[in-house]
C-alpha atoms as a PDB file:
ATOM      1  CA  MET A   1    -134.216  -5.194  57.705  1.00  0.00           C
ATOM      2  CA  HIS A   2    -133.316  -4.649  53.479  1.00  0.00           C
ATOM      3  CA  GLU A   3    -134.442  -8.312  53.279  1.00  0.00           C
ATOM      4  CA  LYS A   4    -137.807  -7.485  54.837  1.00  0.00           C
ATOM      5  CA  VAL A   5    -138.213  -4.403  52.699  1.00  0.00           C
ATOM      6  CA  ALA A   6    -137.042  -6.392  50.095  1.00  0.00           C
ATOM      7  CA  ASN A   7    -139.567  -8.999  50.015  1.00  0.00           C
ATOM      8  CA  CYS A   8    -142.106  -6.580  50.815  1.00  0.00           C
ATOM      9  CA  ARG A   9    -142.019  -5.086  47.475  1.00  0.00           C
ATOM     10  CA  ARG A  10    -141.848  -8.343  45.994  1.00  0.00           C
ATOM     11  CA  ASP A  11    -145.308  -9.170  47.224  1.00  0.00           C
ATOM     12  CA  PHE A  12    -146.782  -6.420  46.545  1.00  0.00           C
ATOM     13  CA  LEU A  13    -145.406  -6.553  42.899  1.00  0.00           C
ATOM     14  CA  HIS A  14    -146.489 -10.131  42.815  1.00  0.00           C
ATOM     15  CA  LYS A  15    -149.968  -9.561  43.740  1.00  0.00           C
ATOM     16  CA  ARG A  16    -150.765  -6.562  41.996  1.00  0.00           C
ATOM     17  CA  SER A  17    -149.146  -7.929  38.699  1.00  0.00           C
ATOM     18  CA  ARG A  18    -151.772 -10.637  39.659  1.00  0.00           C
ATOM     19  CA  GLU A  19    -154.554  -8.482  40.031  1.00  0.00           C
ATOM     20  CA  LEU A  20    -153.686  -6.708  36.756  1.00  0.00           C
ATOM     21  CA  VAL A  21    -153.398 -10.174  34.309  1.00  0.00           C
ATOM     22  CA  ASP A  22    -156.476 -11.455  36.012  1.00  0.00           C
ATOM     23  CA  SER A  23    -158.482  -8.665  34.826  1.00  0.00           C
ATOM     24  CA  TYR A  24    -157.464  -7.715  31.695  1.00  0.00           C
ATOM     25  CA  ASP A  25    -156.672  -9.366  27.943  1.00  0.00           C
ATOM     26  CA  ALA A  26    -153.786  -7.369  27.081  1.00  0.00           C
ATOM     27  CA  ILE A  27    -151.668  -4.696  29.393  1.00  0.00           C
ATOM     28  CA  VAL A  28    -149.947  -1.944  27.543  1.00  0.00           C
ATOM     29  CA  ILE A  29    -146.677  -0.120  28.933  1.00  0.00           C
ATOM     30  CA  GLU A  30    -144.266   2.602  28.701  1.00  0.00           C
ATOM     31  CA  ASP A  31    -140.543   1.262  27.480  1.00  0.00           C
ATOM     32  CA  LEU A  32    -138.516   2.425  29.684  1.00  0.00           C
ATOM     33  CA  ASN A  33    -135.296   2.301  29.811  1.00  0.00           C
ATOM     34  CA  MET A  34    -134.920   2.417  33.370  1.00  0.00           C
ATOM     35  CA  LYS A  35    -130.770   2.008  33.758  1.00  0.00           C
ATOM     36  CA  THR A  36    -130.640   4.984  31.378  1.00  0.00           C
ATOM     37  CA  MET A  37    -133.305   6.734  33.326  1.00  0.00           C
ATOM     38  CA  SER A  38    -131.675   6.229  36.605  1.00  0.00           C
ATOM     39  CA  GLN A  39    -127.821   7.209  35.273  1.00  0.00           C
ATOM     40  CA  CYS A  40    -129.340  10.351  33.031  1.00  0.00           C
ATOM     41  CA  LEU A  41    -131.951  12.177  34.694  1.00  0.00           C
ATOM     42  CA  ASN A  42    -130.107  12.160  38.162  1.00  0.00           C
ATOM     43  CA  LEU A  43    -133.427   9.992  39.682  1.00  0.00           C
ATOM     44  CA  GLY A  44    -130.723   7.623  40.914  1.00  0.00           C
ATOM     45  CA  LYS A  45    -132.423   6.076  43.907  1.00  0.00           C
ATOM     46  CA  SER A  46    -135.596   6.914  43.084  1.00  0.00           C
ATOM     47  CA  VAL A  47    -135.433   4.958  40.477  1.00  0.00           C
ATOM     48  CA  SER A  48    -134.515   1.881  41.184  1.00  0.00           C
ATOM     49  CA  ASP A  49    -136.458   2.093  44.807  1.00  0.00           C
ATOM     50  CA  ASN A  50    -139.574   1.387  41.856  1.00  0.00           C
ATOM     51  CA  ALA A  51    -138.662  -1.190  40.853  1.00  0.00           C
ATOM     52  CA  TRP A  52    -140.307  -0.742  37.848  1.00  0.00           C
ATOM     53  CA  GLY A  53    -138.308  -3.521  36.233  1.00  0.00           C
ATOM     54  CA  MET A  54    -139.392  -6.430  38.486  1.00  0.00           C
ATOM     55  CA  PHE A  55    -142.721  -5.453  37.786  1.00  0.00           C
ATOM     56  CA  THR A  56    -142.496  -5.371  33.523  1.00  0.00           C
ATOM     57  CA  THR A  57    -141.219  -9.044  34.174  1.00  0.00           C
ATOM     58  CA  PHE A  58    -143.614  -9.984  36.601  1.00  0.00           C
ATOM     59  CA  LEU A  59    -146.302  -8.998  34.042  1.00  0.00           C
ATOM     60  CA  LYS A  60    -144.701 -10.297  31.127  1.00  0.00           C
ATOM     61  CA  TYR A  61    -144.118 -14.192  32.708  1.00  0.00           C
ATOM     62  CA  LYS A  62    -147.262 -14.340  33.883  1.00  0.00           C
ATOM     63  CA  LEU A  63    -149.200 -12.311  30.934  1.00  0.00           C
ATOM     64  CA  GLU A  64    -147.253 -14.959  28.587  1.00  0.00           C
ATOM     65  CA  ASN A  65    -148.658 -18.044  31.126  1.00  0.00           C
ATOM     66  CA  GLU A  66    -151.826 -16.772  30.797  1.00  0.00           C
ATOM     67  CA  GLY A  67    -151.649 -16.637  26.491  1.00  0.00           C
ATOM     68  CA  LYS A  68    -152.566 -12.599  27.025  1.00  0.00           C
ATOM     69  CA  LEU A  69    -150.411  -9.736  25.726  1.00  0.00           C
ATOM     70  CA  LEU A  70    -147.616  -7.041  26.942  1.00  0.00           C
ATOM     71  CA  VAL A  71    -147.734  -4.559  24.836  1.00  0.00           C
ATOM     72  CA  LYS A  72    -144.395  -2.282  25.069  1.00  0.00           C
ATOM     73  CA  VAL A  73    -144.748   1.528  23.263  1.00  0.00           C
ATOM     74  CA  ASP A  74    -141.812   2.631  22.116  1.00  0.00           C
ATOM     75  CA  LYS A  75    -139.821   4.801  24.956  1.00  0.00           C
ATOM     76  CA  TRP A  76    -139.293   7.677  21.940  1.00  0.00           C
ATOM     77  CA  PHE A  77    -142.802   8.134  21.726  1.00  0.00           C
ATOM     78  CA  PRO A  78    -144.293  11.358  22.320  1.00  0.00           C
ATOM     79  CA  SER A  79    -146.266  10.951  25.085  1.00  0.00           C
ATOM     80  CA  SER A  80    -146.217  13.720  27.445  1.00  0.00           C
ATOM     81  CA  LYS A  81    -145.766  16.402  24.511  1.00  0.00           C
ATOM     82  CA  THR A  82    -148.890  15.254  22.206  1.00  0.00           C
ATOM     83  CA  CYS A  83    -152.323  16.563  23.612  1.00  0.00           C
ATOM     84  CA  HIS A  84    -154.540  13.997  23.585  1.00  0.00           C
ATOM     85  CA  TYR A  85    -157.961  16.008  22.716  1.00  0.00           C
ATOM     86  CA  CYS A  86    -155.992  16.950  19.741  1.00  0.00           C
ATOM     87  CA  GLY A  87    -152.705  15.494  18.587  1.00  0.00           C
ATOM     88  CA  GLU A  88    -151.148  18.687  18.904  1.00  0.00           C
ATOM     89  CA  ILE A  89    -146.880  17.960  19.839  1.00  0.00           C
ATOM     90  CA  ASN A  90    -145.105  20.765  22.430  1.00  0.00           C
ATOM     91  CA  LYS A  91    -142.508  20.470  21.117  1.00  0.00           C
ATOM     92  CA  GLU A  92    -141.289  23.594  24.492  1.00  0.00           C
ATOM     93  CA  LEU A  93    -142.606  21.128  27.166  1.00  0.00           C
ATOM     94  CA  GLU A  94    -140.273  20.461  29.382  1.00  0.00           C
ATOM     95  CA  LEU A  95    -139.646  17.483  32.379  1.00  0.00           C
ATOM     96  CA  SER A  96    -140.293  20.112  35.397  1.00  0.00           C
ATOM     97  CA  ASP A  97    -143.889  20.885  33.806  1.00  0.00           C
ATOM     98  CA  LYS A  98    -146.170  18.793  35.234  1.00  0.00           C
ATOM     99  CA  GLU A  99    -149.501  20.762  33.470  1.00  0.00           C
ATOM    100  CA  TRP A 100    -149.819  22.662  30.752  1.00  0.00           C
ATOM    101  CA  THR A 101    -152.435  24.278  28.275  1.00  0.00           C
ATOM    102  CA  CYS A 102    -151.956  23.394  24.219  1.00  0.00           C
ATOM    103  CA  SER A 103    -151.237  25.980  21.630  1.00  0.00           C
ATOM    104  CA  ALA A 104    -154.083  24.243  19.195  1.00  0.00           C
ATOM    105  CA  CYS A 105    -156.779  23.586  21.331  1.00  0.00           C
ATOM    106  CA  GLY A 106    -156.593  25.647  24.368  1.00  0.00           C
ATOM    107  CA  CYS A 107    -157.034  22.389  26.666  1.00  0.00           C
ATOM    108  CA  THR A 108    -154.881  21.662  30.215  1.00  0.00           C
ATOM    109  CA  ILE A 109    -153.877  18.969  30.569  1.00  0.00           C
ATOM    110  CA  ASP A 110    -151.798  16.986  33.684  1.00  0.00           C
ATOM    111  CA  ARG A 111    -148.813  15.995  31.934  1.00  0.00           C
ATOM    112  CA  ASP A 112    -148.811  12.675  33.683  1.00  0.00           C
ATOM    113  CA  TYR A 113    -152.818  11.854  32.964  1.00  0.00           C
ATOM    114  CA  ASN A 114    -152.364  12.785  29.023  1.00  0.00           C
ATOM    115  CA  ALA A 115    -149.117  10.849  28.628  1.00  0.00           C
ATOM    116  CA  SER A 116    -151.402   7.397  29.932  1.00  0.00           C
ATOM    117  CA  LYS A 117    -153.886   8.252  27.716  1.00  0.00           C
ATOM    118  CA  ASN A 118    -151.528   8.635  24.825  1.00  0.00           C
ATOM    119  CA  ILE A 119    -149.781   5.303  25.772  1.00  0.00           C
ATOM    120  CA  ARG A 120    -153.418   3.511  25.587  1.00  0.00           C
ATOM    121  CA  ASP A 121    -154.262   4.983  22.218  1.00  0.00           C
ATOM    122  CA  GLU A 122    -150.739   4.142  20.724  1.00  0.00           C
ATOM    123  CA  GLY A 123    -150.720   0.335  22.489  1.00  0.00           C
ATOM    124  CA  LEU A 124    -154.142  -0.129  21.366  1.00  0.00           C
ATOM    125  CA  ARG A 125    -152.785   0.823  17.657  1.00  0.00           C
ATOM    126  CA  LEU A 126    -150.267  -1.301  18.158  1.00  0.00           C
ATOM    127  CA  LEU A 127    -152.870  -4.402  19.109  1.00  0.00           C
ATOM    128  CA  ALA A 128    -154.521  -3.925  15.941  1.00  0.00           C
ATOM    129  CA  LEU A 129    -151.720  -4.103  14.429  1.00  0.00           C
ATOM    130  CA  ILE A 130    -150.993  -7.171  16.141  1.00  0.00           C
ATOM    131  CA  ALA A 131    -154.843  -8.873  15.345  1.00  0.00           C
END
């Protein structure tokens, strides 16, 4: 049973990574240390079950084979705490806060959506340095 689940997960990750590589010339991800996250944040099994490390490995080798780029944004980049709209950094933001209101511009922001925009923008900035 475990082997079947592992094979299904691996198949899904291969297919999804292939779709992304075929669709984009560069892919930006956050350079997360999954081992540390699972130990320090008490996320344990939920982090390892998501197979992020396997997915990034698949992305990396497929992008390299196509002559495309994988850009990793530093894990300490404040993607969640920086307001995507004005750049203000919310130093008080806790991991449990799923949404927050920027004290500078007043925008109410979904933490994950905001982080994704900031990671994309930082990746584009890093790509410009490479080019």
